[in-house]
Amino acid sequence: MRFTTMRLCGGEALMAISADVLDLDMDNASVRLEEMGCVIKQKDDMMAVLDWKGMETTIYPQGKVMFFPLKDRSLCIRYATEILEKLI
């Protein structure tokens, strides 16, 4: 997968943005994430918020994944790939 990244929250968070526009079914994605052992803190049609490797992680249907706190761009892309490959 290919991504661009964006710094958010004064540089404390990173968002990986998939080069391919996805259309994730957030209900299905939440079930898969829970099967992976993730605890979903909040979910609706527009996003799912969960803990991933000690970070608050938000997944959006378009294939965007935000990690807080995270400053390493290569880790951001690696983690987003790990998550999205299991959801698509």
Protein backbone atom coordinates (compact mmCIF):
# COMPACT_ATOMS: atom_id res chain seq x y z
CA MET A 1 0.00 0.00 0.00
CA ARG A 2 1.09 3.56 -0.63
CA PHE A 3 0.47 6.41 1.77
CA THR A 4 1.10 10.06 2.34
CA THR A 5 1.45 11.25 5.91
CA MET A 6 0.28 14.36 7.70
CA ARG A 7 1.35 15.74 11.08
CA LEU A 8 -1.50 16.72 13.41
CA CYS A 9 -1.99 17.98 16.96
CA GLY A 10 1.12 20.15 17.00
CA GLY A 11 3.29 17.31 15.72
CA GLU A 12 2.23 14.82 18.39
CA ALA A 13 0.08 12.74 16.01
CA LEU A 14 0.51 11.35 12.51
CA MET A 15 -2.10 10.38 9.97
CA ALA A 16 -1.45 7.89 7.17
CA ILE A 17 -3.60 8.63 4.13
CA SER A 18 -4.01 5.79 1.65
CA ALA A 19 -3.19 6.69 -1.95
CA ASP A 20 -6.12 4.49 -2.95
CA VAL A 21 -9.49 5.77 -1.77
CA LEU A 22 -11.08 2.99 0.24
CA ASP A 23 -14.65 2.57 1.40
CA LEU A 24 -14.37 0.56 4.60
CA ASP A 25 -17.52 -0.79 6.19
CA MET A 26 -16.94 0.45 9.74
CA ASP A 27 -19.21 -2.18 11.31
CA ASN A 28 -17.29 -4.99 9.61
CA ALA A 29 -13.97 -3.29 10.36
CA SER A 30 -14.85 -3.02 14.05
CA VAL A 31 -15.66 -6.73 14.23
CA ARG A 32 -12.35 -7.62 12.59
CA LEU A 33 -10.42 -5.28 14.88
CA GLU A 34 -12.03 -6.83 17.96
CA GLU A 35 -11.12 -10.29 16.62
CA MET A 36 -7.52 -9.01 16.49
CA GLY A 37 -7.76 -8.17 20.19
CA CYS A 38 -8.32 -4.42 19.86
CA VAL A 39 -10.65 -2.63 22.23
CA ILE A 40 -12.95 -0.26 20.35
CA LYS A 41 -13.48 2.89 22.44
CA GLN A 42 -15.83 4.64 20.04
CA LYS A 43 -17.43 3.71 16.72
CA ASP A 44 -19.86 5.15 14.22
CA ASP A 45 -20.21 5.20 10.44
CA MET A 46 -17.42 7.77 10.08
CA MET A 47 -14.68 6.38 12.34
CA ALA A 48 -13.51 3.83 14.86
CA VAL A 49 -11.30 4.79 17.81
CA LEU A 50 -9.22 2.06 19.43
CA ASP A 51 -5.97 1.32 21.21
CA TRP A 52 -3.20 0.04 18.92
CA LYS A 53 0.26 -0.66 20.35
CA GLY A 54 -0.32 1.79 23.19
CA MET A 55 -1.58 4.62 20.97
CA GLU A 56 -5.02 6.05 20.45
CA THR A 57 -5.76 5.12 16.84
CA THR A 58 -8.58 6.41 14.67
CA ILE A 59 -9.58 4.65 11.46
CA TYR A 60 -11.70 6.36 8.83
CA PRO A 61 -13.66 4.66 5.99
CA GLN A 62 -11.57 6.41 3.30
CA GLY A 63 -8.43 4.54 4.43
CA LYS A 64 -7.03 7.22 6.73
CA VAL A 65 -5.46 6.08 10.00
CA MET A 66 -4.38 8.50 12.74
CA PHE A 67 -2.02 7.55 15.57
CA PHE A 68 -1.57 9.56 18.78
CA PRO A 69 1.06 9.96 20.06
CA LEU A 70 3.42 9.09 17.19
CA LYS A 71 6.16 11.11 15.50
CA ASP A 72 7.89 8.46 13.33
CA ARG A 73 6.57 8.56 9.75
CA SER A 74 7.89 5.12 8.80
CA LEU A 75 6.17 3.54 11.82
CA CYS A 76 2.98 5.37 10.92
CA ILE A 77 2.99 3.83 7.44
CA ARG A 78 3.95 0.39 8.76
CA TYR A 79 1.19 0.37 11.37
CA ALA A 80 -1.43 1.70 8.94
CA THR A 81 -0.49 -1.02 6.46
CA GLU A 82 -0.75 -3.70 9.17
CA ILE A 83 -4.23 -2.51 10.10
CA LEU A 84 -5.69 -1.84 6.68
CA GLU A 85 -4.43 -5.08 5.11
CA LYS A 86 -6.57 -6.93 7.64
CA LEU A 87 -9.63 -4.78 6.94
CA ILE A 88 -9.78 -4.73 3.13
